[in-house]
N, C-alpha and C. Protein backbone atom coordinates (compact mmCIF):
# COMPACT_ATOMS: atom_id res chain seq x y z
N UNK A 1 98.13 -123.25 -26.09
CA UNK A 1 97.85 -124.49 -26.56
C UNK A 1 98.12 -125.59 -25.50
N UNK A 2 97.38 -126.45 -25.80
CA UNK A 2 97.63 -127.60 -24.66
C UNK A 2 98.88 -129.03 -25.37
N UNK A 3 99.64 -129.15 -24.38
CA UNK A 3 100.54 -130.37 -24.85
C UNK A 3 100.15 -131.86 -24.45
N UNK A 4 100.44 -132.53 -25.70
CA UNK A 4 99.52 -133.99 -25.41
C UNK A 4 101.12 -134.42 -25.36
N UNK A 5 100.79 -136.08 -24.64
CA UNK A 5 101.77 -136.71 -24.40
C UNK A 5 101.62 -138.00 -25.37
N UNK A 6 102.36 -138.70 -26.32
CA UNK A 6 102.31 -139.93 -27.26
C UNK A 6 103.13 -140.78 -26.75
N UNK A 7 102.67 -142.55 -27.01
CA UNK A 7 103.47 -143.61 -26.88
C UNK A 7 103.77 -144.10 -28.19
N UNK A 8 104.73 -144.12 -28.89
CA UNK A 8 105.64 -145.07 -30.01
C UNK A 8 105.15 -146.58 -29.60
N UNK A 9 104.18 -147.14 -30.46
CA UNK A 9 104.12 -148.67 -29.96
C UNK A 9 105.07 -149.68 -30.71
N UNK A 10 105.98 -148.91 -31.62
CA UNK A 10 106.70 -149.88 -32.05
C UNK A 10 107.89 -149.67 -31.38
N UNK A 11 108.51 -148.09 -31.52
CA UNK A 11 109.77 -148.52 -31.24
C UNK A 11 109.71 -147.75 -29.33
N UNK A 12 108.65 -147.86 -28.80
CA UNK A 12 108.59 -146.96 -27.70
C UNK A 12 108.91 -145.44 -27.23
N UNK A 13 109.05 -145.00 -28.50
CA UNK A 13 109.29 -143.70 -27.90
C UNK A 13 108.20 -143.20 -27.12
N UNK A 14 108.59 -142.13 -26.24
CA UNK A 14 107.41 -140.95 -25.70
C UNK A 14 107.82 -139.64 -25.53
N UNK A 15 106.83 -139.08 -26.49
CA UNK A 15 107.17 -137.36 -26.85
C UNK A 15 105.97 -136.81 -26.78
N UNK A 16 106.14 -135.68 -26.74
CA UNK A 16 105.13 -134.58 -26.25
C UNK A 16 104.49 -133.66 -27.74
N UNK A 17 103.68 -133.13 -27.78
CA UNK A 17 102.93 -132.35 -29.05
C UNK A 17 102.25 -131.32 -28.88
N UNK A 18 102.52 -129.82 -29.47
CA UNK A 18 101.81 -129.25 -28.98
C UNK A 18 100.40 -129.15 -30.14
N UNK A 19 99.20 -128.82 -29.34
CA UNK A 19 97.97 -129.21 -30.67
C UNK A 19 97.23 -127.93 -30.25
N UNK A 20 96.34 -127.96 -31.42
CA UNK A 20 95.04 -127.37 -30.28
C UNK A 20 94.10 -128.00 -30.22
N UNK A 21 93.17 -127.65 -29.45
CA UNK A 21 91.72 -128.99 -28.97
C UNK A 21 91.02 -129.39 -30.52
N UNK A 22 91.38 -128.45 -31.52
CA UNK A 22 90.41 -128.65 -32.71
C UNK A 22 91.51 -129.81 -33.90
N UNK A 23 92.83 -129.93 -33.53
CA UNK A 23 93.54 -130.79 -34.06
C UNK A 23 93.13 -132.16 -33.89
N UNK A 24 93.07 -133.03 -35.13
CA UNK A 24 93.42 -134.35 -34.66
C UNK A 24 94.30 -134.96 -34.33
N UNK A 25 94.57 -136.17 -33.18
CA UNK A 25 95.64 -136.93 -32.57
C UNK A 25 96.55 -137.22 -33.77
N UNK A 26 97.88 -137.23 -33.31
CA UNK A 26 98.51 -137.83 -34.15
C UNK A 26 98.32 -139.57 -34.14
N UNK A 27 98.93 -139.79 -35.42
CA UNK A 27 98.73 -141.46 -35.37
C UNK A 27 100.27 -141.82 -35.95
N UNK A 28 101.20 -141.15 -36.31
CA UNK A 28 102.54 -141.46 -36.40
C UNK A 28 103.53 -140.88 -35.58
N UNK A 29 104.47 -142.19 -35.25
CA UNK A 29 105.51 -141.68 -34.43
C UNK A 29 106.38 -140.66 -35.55
N UNK A 30 107.17 -140.22 -34.85
CA UNK A 30 107.71 -138.80 -35.28
C UNK A 30 109.27 -139.35 -35.91
N UNK A 31 109.94 -140.56 -35.19
CA UNK A 31 111.25 -140.95 -35.49
C UNK A 31 111.31 -142.22 -35.85
N UNK A 32 110.36 -143.01 -36.17
CA UNK A 32 110.08 -144.07 -36.71
C UNK A 32 109.24 -144.53 -37.98
N UNK A 33 107.88 -143.80 -37.50
CA UNK A 33 106.84 -144.04 -38.43
C UNK A 33 105.84 -144.59 -38.26
N UNK A 34 105.86 -145.52 -36.78
CA UNK A 34 104.95 -146.67 -36.12
C UNK A 34 103.74 -145.74 -35.97
N UNK A 35 102.65 -146.71 -35.72
CA UNK A 35 101.71 -145.62 -34.73
C UNK A 35 101.91 -145.78 -33.43
N UNK A 36 101.22 -144.48 -32.97
CA UNK A 36 101.37 -143.76 -31.46
C UNK A 36 99.78 -143.95 -31.23
N UNK A 37 100.00 -144.25 -29.89
CA UNK A 37 98.68 -143.59 -28.76
C UNK A 37 98.67 -142.54 -28.10
N UNK A 38 97.69 -141.95 -27.73
CA UNK A 38 97.67 -140.44 -27.27
C UNK A 38 97.68 -141.41 -25.23
N UNK A 39 98.68 -140.57 -24.47
CA UNK A 39 98.86 -141.03 -22.97
C UNK A 39 97.78 -140.29 -22.09
N UNK A 40 97.87 -140.51 -21.59
CA UNK A 40 96.82 -140.30 -20.42
C UNK A 40 97.80 -139.19 -19.59
N UNK A 41 98.28 -137.59 -19.14
CA UNK A 41 99.11 -137.59 -18.42
C UNK A 41 98.55 -137.00 -17.22
N UNK A 42 99.30 -136.71 -16.12
CA UNK A 42 99.02 -135.49 -14.88
C UNK A 42 99.24 -134.12 -15.34
N UNK A 43 97.91 -133.46 -15.07
CA UNK A 43 97.72 -132.64 -15.11
C UNK A 43 98.85 -131.25 -14.16
N UNK A 44 99.26 -130.19 -14.49
CA UNK A 44 99.64 -129.11 -14.28
C UNK A 44 98.92 -128.25 -12.90
N UNK A 45 97.59 -128.64 -13.20
CA UNK A 45 96.63 -127.34 -12.18
C UNK A 45 96.44 -128.53 -11.14
N UNK A 46 96.14 -127.88 -10.11
CA UNK A 46 96.06 -128.85 -8.62
C UNK A 46 95.76 -127.64 -7.65
N UNK A 47 94.58 -127.96 -7.07
CA UNK A 47 93.73 -127.12 -5.75
C UNK A 47 94.90 -127.56 -4.60
N UNK A 48 95.52 -126.46 -3.91
CA UNK A 48 95.71 -126.81 -2.83
C UNK A 48 95.29 -125.82 -1.48
N UNK A 49 95.14 -126.89 -0.51
CA UNK A 49 95.01 -125.65 0.63
C UNK A 49 93.74 -125.39 0.69
N UNK A 50 93.12 -124.31 1.70
CA UNK A 50 91.83 -124.30 2.33
C UNK A 50 90.71 -123.68 1.30
N UNK A 51 91.15 -122.91 0.46
CA UNK A 51 90.73 -122.25 -0.33
C UNK A 51 89.27 -121.55 -0.35
N UNK A 52 88.58 -120.99 -1.57
CA UNK A 52 87.28 -121.10 -1.58
C UNK A 52 85.80 -121.74 -0.93
N UNK A 53 86.22 -123.52 -1.83
CA UNK A 53 85.36 -124.26 -1.56
C UNK A 53 85.13 -124.35 0.36
N UNK A 54 86.00 -125.04 0.86
CA UNK A 54 86.15 -125.20 2.66
C UNK A 54 85.61 -123.80 2.89
N UNK A 55 85.87 -122.66 2.44
CA UNK A 55 85.89 -121.46 3.35
C UNK A 55 84.23 -121.01 3.22
N UNK A 56 83.55 -121.20 2.12
CA UNK A 56 82.42 -120.82 1.63
C UNK A 56 81.35 -121.91 1.46
N UNK A 57 81.89 -122.74 1.03
CA UNK A 57 80.54 -123.95 -0.01
C UNK A 57 80.55 -125.42 0.92
N UNK A 58 81.44 -125.45 1.38
CA UNK A 58 81.60 -127.03 2.21
C UNK A 58 80.90 -126.92 3.34
N UNK A 59 79.77 -127.64 3.94
CA UNK A 59 79.13 -127.56 4.70
C UNK A 59 80.14 -128.36 6.52
N UNK A 60 81.00 -128.43 6.35
CA UNK A 60 81.45 -128.96 7.51
C UNK A 60 82.23 -127.90 8.35
N UNK A 61 81.91 -126.72 8.14
CA UNK A 61 82.55 -125.94 8.79
C UNK A 61 83.74 -125.39 8.52
N UNK A 62 84.37 -125.18 7.54
CA UNK A 62 85.78 -125.19 7.20
C UNK A 62 86.29 -123.56 7.69
N UNK A 63 85.68 -122.78 8.13
CA UNK A 63 85.87 -121.49 9.02
C UNK A 63 85.42 -120.16 8.23
N UNK A 64 84.63 -120.22 7.01
CA UNK A 64 84.20 -119.05 6.44
C UNK A 64 83.25 -118.78 7.28
N UNK A 65 81.88 -118.53 8.26
CA UNK A 65 81.12 -118.73 9.02
C UNK A 65 80.09 -117.16 8.96
N UNK A 66 79.20 -117.20 8.48
CA UNK A 66 78.80 -115.40 8.91
C UNK A 66 78.27 -115.28 10.70
N UNK A 67 78.37 -113.67 11.09
CA UNK A 67 78.29 -113.50 12.32
C UNK A 67 76.75 -113.86 12.80
N UNK A 68 76.11 -113.84 12.20
CA UNK A 68 74.48 -113.60 12.45
C UNK A 68 73.97 -115.38 11.82
N UNK A 69 74.80 -116.25 11.59
CA UNK A 69 74.56 -117.69 11.29
C UNK A 69 73.92 -118.18 12.94
N UNK A 70 74.37 -117.61 13.59
CA UNK A 70 74.29 -118.55 15.31
C UNK A 70 73.35 -117.95 15.52
N UNK A 71 72.12 -116.68 15.37
CA UNK A 71 70.97 -116.76 15.34
C UNK A 71 70.26 -116.92 14.79
N UNK A 72 70.06 -118.20 13.60
CA UNK A 72 68.82 -118.00 13.28
C UNK A 72 69.02 -117.11 12.08
N UNK A 73 69.44 -115.89 11.72
CA UNK A 73 69.63 -115.22 10.46
C UNK A 73 70.54 -115.48 9.83
N UNK A 74 70.79 -114.19 9.14
CA UNK A 74 71.77 -115.12 7.82
C UNK A 74 71.97 -113.63 6.69
N UNK A 75 72.86 -113.43 6.38
CA UNK A 75 73.21 -112.76 5.44
C UNK A 75 73.25 -112.79 4.20
N UNK A 76 72.95 -112.06 3.11
CA UNK A 76 72.03 -112.01 1.89
C UNK A 76 73.83 -112.41 1.08
N UNK A 77 74.65 -111.89 1.58
CA UNK A 77 75.74 -112.31 0.36
C UNK A 77 76.67 -113.31 0.92
N UNK A 78 76.22 -114.15 1.91
CA UNK A 78 77.04 -115.46 2.67
C UNK A 78 76.83 -116.44 1.02
N UNK A 79 77.59 -117.08 1.08
CA UNK A 79 77.11 -117.81 0.24
C UNK A 79 76.64 -119.10 0.89
N UNK A 80 76.97 -119.65 1.93
CA UNK A 80 76.18 -120.98 2.65
C UNK A 80 74.97 -120.30 2.96
N UNK A 81 74.74 -119.18 3.05
CA UNK A 81 73.27 -118.85 3.46
C UNK A 81 72.43 -119.08 1.70
N UNK A 82 72.99 -119.14 0.79
CA UNK A 82 72.67 -119.14 -0.41
C UNK A 82 72.04 -120.41 -0.94
N UNK A 83 73.14 -121.30 -0.24
CA UNK A 83 73.32 -122.88 -0.56
C UNK A 83 72.42 -123.47 0.53
N UNK A 84 71.50 -122.79 1.40
CA UNK A 84 70.58 -123.63 2.17
C UNK A 84 69.57 -123.69 1.82
């Protein structure tokens, strides 16, 4: 289940709540009962390094090229050949 962050507009409390996608957003502060708003938080998911995009799908020659690419041929399983 995802974790959502809320801030109380009355007392300033910032708190987290684990909710299902289908749950309605919280409307009330758990400390003072004031109105809350959902915050946009930084995700923990991050893509770093070369990875699949740079090696197989970017057009900038990031490293993953076929042996037959220079001779005008192409390999059927190559992602670069499929995108051209």
